[in-house]
N, C-alpha and C. Protein backbone atom coordinates (compact mmCIF):
# COMPACT_ATOMS: atom_id res chain seq x y z
N MET A 1 0.79 -1.32 0.04
CA MET A 1 0.01 -0.02 0.05
C MET A 1 0.72 1.17 -0.13
N ALA A 2 1.86 1.23 0.92
CA ALA A 2 2.63 2.41 0.93
C ALA A 2 3.34 2.68 -0.28
N ARG A 3 3.87 1.80 -1.24
CA ARG A 3 4.55 1.93 -2.64
C ARG A 3 3.79 2.80 -3.34
N ASP A 4 2.48 2.52 -3.52
CA ASP A 4 1.65 3.47 -4.26
C ASP A 4 1.47 4.94 -3.72
N MET A 5 1.76 5.24 -2.44
CA MET A 5 1.42 6.51 -1.86
C MET A 5 2.43 7.58 -2.10
N SER A 6 2.54 8.76 -2.26
CA SER A 6 3.86 9.76 -2.41
C SER A 6 4.05 10.27 -0.97
N ASP A 7 5.40 10.72 -0.71
CA ASP A 7 5.64 10.94 0.51
C ASP A 7 4.80 11.92 1.33
N LYS A 8 4.02 12.85 0.49
CA LYS A 8 3.14 13.89 0.97
C LYS A 8 1.84 12.95 1.34
N GLU A 9 1.52 12.07 1.07
CA GLU A 9 0.25 11.25 1.17
C GLU A 9 0.53 10.30 2.63
N ILE A 10 1.88 9.77 2.53
CA ILE A 10 2.19 9.01 3.67
C ILE A 10 2.38 9.83 4.80
N LEU A 11 2.95 11.13 4.92
CA LEU A 11 3.04 12.01 5.92
C LEU A 11 1.53 12.49 6.31
N LYS A 12 0.76 12.87 5.62
CA LYS A 12 -0.63 12.98 5.79
C LYS A 12 -1.08 11.89 6.47
N MET A 13 -1.23 10.57 6.26
CA MET A 13 -1.60 9.50 6.78
C MET A 13 -1.01 9.56 8.36
N GLU A 14 0.16 9.59 8.38
CA GLU A 14 0.79 9.51 9.70
C GLU A 14 0.57 10.48 10.67
N LEU A 15 0.29 11.83 10.06
CA LEU A 15 -0.37 13.00 10.81
C LEU A 15 -1.77 12.52 11.35
N GLU A 16 -2.45 12.16 10.64
CA GLU A 16 -3.70 11.78 11.00
C GLU A 16 -3.83 10.68 12.03
N GLN A 17 -2.94 9.70 12.00
CA GLN A 17 -3.03 8.80 13.01
C GLN A 17 -2.56 9.34 14.19
N LEU A 18 -1.58 10.14 14.09
CA LEU A 18 -1.10 10.82 15.44
C LEU A 18 -2.31 11.74 15.99
N GLN A 19 -2.95 12.33 15.29
CA GLN A 19 -3.97 13.29 15.76
C GLN A 19 -4.97 12.60 16.54
N LYS A 20 -5.06 11.13 16.03
CA LYS A 20 -6.19 10.10 16.71
C LYS A 20 -5.70 9.62 17.81
N GLU A 21 -4.17 9.43 17.86
CA GLU A 21 -3.86 8.84 19.08
C GLU A 21 -3.60 9.84 20.42
N VAL A 22 -3.58 11.14 20.02
CA VAL A 22 -3.50 11.99 20.86
C VAL A 22 -4.59 12.18 21.87
N LYS A 23 -5.80 11.92 21.34
CA LYS A 23 -7.02 12.11 21.55
C LYS A 23 -7.38 11.11 22.64
N ASN A 24 -6.54 9.94 22.67
CA ASN A 24 -7.02 8.67 23.57
C ASN A 24 -6.57 9.27 25.04
N THR A 25 -7.36 8.79 25.95
CA THR A 25 -6.85 9.05 27.44
C THR A 25 -6.21 8.03 27.85
N ARG A 26 -5.11 8.56 28.67
CA ARG A 26 -4.13 7.34 29.16
C ARG A 26 -4.39 7.03 30.62
N GLU A 27 -4.31 5.89 30.68
CA GLU A 27 -4.61 5.24 32.14
C GLU A 27 -3.22 4.74 32.76
N PRO A 28 -3.14 4.86 33.98
CA PRO A 28 -1.72 4.33 34.41
C PRO A 28 -1.70 2.76 34.74
N VAL A 29 -0.61 2.22 34.33
CA VAL A 29 -0.40 0.51 34.38
C VAL A 29 -0.96 -0.01 35.73
N SER A 30 -0.94 0.63 36.71
CA SER A 30 -1.27 0.32 38.10
C SER A 30 -2.67 0.22 38.22
N LYS A 31 -3.31 1.00 37.61
CA LYS A 31 -4.85 0.92 37.51
C LYS A 31 -5.42 -0.29 36.52
N THR A 32 -5.10 -0.28 35.36
CA THR A 32 -5.31 -1.14 34.24
C THR A 32 -5.10 -2.11 34.68
N ALA A 33 -3.79 -2.76 34.85
CA ALA A 33 -3.37 -4.13 35.13
C ALA A 33 -4.23 -4.90 36.50
N LYS A 34 -4.70 -4.00 37.23
CA LYS A 34 -5.53 -4.46 38.49
C LYS A 34 -6.87 -4.96 37.76
N GLU A 35 -7.44 -4.13 36.94
CA GLU A 35 -8.76 -4.32 36.48
C GLU A 35 -8.84 -5.40 35.31
N ILE A 36 -7.56 -5.62 34.91
CA ILE A 36 -7.42 -6.91 33.71
C ILE A 36 -7.44 -8.10 34.56
N CYS A 37 -6.93 -8.18 35.47
CA CYS A 37 -6.60 -9.23 36.44
C CYS A 37 -8.12 -9.64 37.13
N GLU A 38 -8.73 -8.57 37.54
CA GLU A 38 -10.05 -8.72 37.99
C GLU A 38 -11.03 -9.31 36.94
N TRP A 39 -10.81 -8.98 35.80
CA TRP A 39 -11.53 -9.38 34.68
C TRP A 39 -11.27 -10.98 34.26
N VAL A 40 -9.94 -11.06 34.08
CA VAL A 40 -9.72 -12.45 34.00
C VAL A 40 -10.00 -13.61 34.89
N GLU A 41 -10.07 -13.13 36.24
CA GLU A 41 -10.33 -13.90 37.16
C GLU A 41 -12.09 -14.04 37.30
N ALA A 42 -12.68 -13.19 36.78
CA ALA A 42 -14.20 -13.36 36.71
C ALA A 42 -14.60 -14.49 35.78
N GLN A 43 -13.89 -14.24 34.40
CA GLN A 43 -13.99 -14.98 33.35
C GLN A 43 -13.46 -16.30 33.38
N SER A 44 -12.85 -16.74 34.45
CA SER A 44 -12.05 -18.07 34.38
C SER A 44 -12.85 -19.30 34.53
N ALA A 45 -14.05 -18.99 35.11
CA ALA A 45 -15.01 -20.25 35.26
C ALA A 45 -15.56 -20.84 34.16
N GLU A 46 -15.56 -19.86 32.87
CA GLU A 46 -16.05 -20.28 31.69
C GLU A 46 -14.98 -20.58 30.67
N ASP A 47 -13.61 -20.35 31.07
CA ASP A 47 -12.53 -20.67 30.17
C ASP A 47 -12.40 -22.09 30.06
N PRO A 48 -12.28 -22.65 28.66
CA PRO A 48 -12.21 -24.13 28.48
C PRO A 48 -10.74 -24.42 28.76
N LEU A 49 -10.00 -23.63 28.57
CA LEU A 49 -8.45 -23.92 29.04
C LEU A 49 -8.15 -23.96 30.47
N ILE A 50 -8.90 -23.61 31.05
CA ILE A 50 -8.73 -23.71 32.62
C ILE A 50 -9.62 -24.63 33.19
N LYS A 51 -10.87 -24.69 32.74
CA LYS A 51 -11.89 -25.40 33.16
C LYS A 51 -11.75 -27.13 32.78
N GLY A 52 -11.46 -26.91 31.25
CA GLY A 52 -11.31 -28.27 30.57
C GLY A 52 -12.73 -28.43 29.81
N VAL A 53 -12.81 -29.29 29.00
CA VAL A 53 -13.93 -29.64 27.88
C VAL A 53 -14.22 -30.90 28.25
N PRO A 54 -15.90 -31.17 28.50
CA PRO A 54 -16.46 -32.60 28.85
C PRO A 54 -15.95 -33.41 27.67
N GLU A 55 -15.58 -34.87 27.97
CA GLU A 55 -15.31 -35.88 26.98
C GLU A 55 -16.26 -35.88 26.08
N ASP A 56 -17.83 -35.76 26.42
CA ASP A 56 -18.64 -36.10 25.32
C ASP A 56 -18.87 -35.01 24.49
N LYS A 57 -18.26 -33.78 24.86
CA LYS A 57 -18.45 -32.45 23.76
C LYS A 57 -17.11 -32.12 23.14
N ASN A 58 -16.30 -32.90 23.37
CA ASN A 58 -14.57 -32.64 22.73
C ASN A 58 -14.94 -33.02 21.29
N PRO A 59 -14.87 -32.08 20.46
CA PRO A 59 -15.18 -32.54 18.82
C PRO A 59 -13.72 -32.94 18.61
N PHE A 60 -12.40 -32.96 19.20
CA PHE A 60 -11.16 -33.50 18.83
C PHE A 60 -10.95 -34.98 19.27
N LYS A 61 -11.94 -35.41 19.95
CA LYS A 61 -11.65 -36.89 20.55
C LYS A 61 -11.74 -37.85 19.47
N GLU A 62 -10.70 -38.88 19.63
CA GLU A 62 -10.55 -39.85 18.59
C GLU A 62 -12.02 -40.74 18.55
N LYS A 63 -12.30 -40.97 17.49
CA LYS A 63 -13.45 -41.85 17.49
C LYS A 63 -13.16 -43.12 17.67
N GLY A 64 -12.12 -43.86 17.32
CA GLY A 64 -11.77 -45.04 17.58
C GLY A 64 -10.24 -45.00 17.98
N GLY A 65 -9.72 -46.45 18.30
CA GLY A 65 -8.64 -46.59 18.92
C GLY A 65 -7.83 -47.02 17.64
N CYS A 66 -6.23 -46.92 17.91
CA CYS A 66 -5.34 -47.08 17.03
C CYS A 66 -4.98 -48.75 17.20
N ILE A 67 -4.94 -49.22 16.05
CA ILE A 67 -4.54 -50.72 16.07
C ILE A 67 -3.16 -50.85 15.15
N ILE A 68 -2.05 -51.38 15.87
CA ILE A 68 -0.98 -51.68 15.34
C ILE A 68 -0.83 -53.11 15.33
N THR A 69 -0.53 -53.51 13.97
CA THR A 69 -0.50 -55.02 13.58
C THR A 69 0.68 -55.31 13.00
């Protein structure tokens, strides 16, 4: 995409992106990290990687056994 754009167009695009970013409010990591940890802990009961998948609902369970002859 950038190959088809002139230097002026690229600079304009970068300036527009920076104008968008400067409008974002910033939060300290000490606050947001705590909120993220609380959210993850609240969602962990539904997480299949933590809770596991019941055998009868596991789509990747092998249908039959392996026989070596």
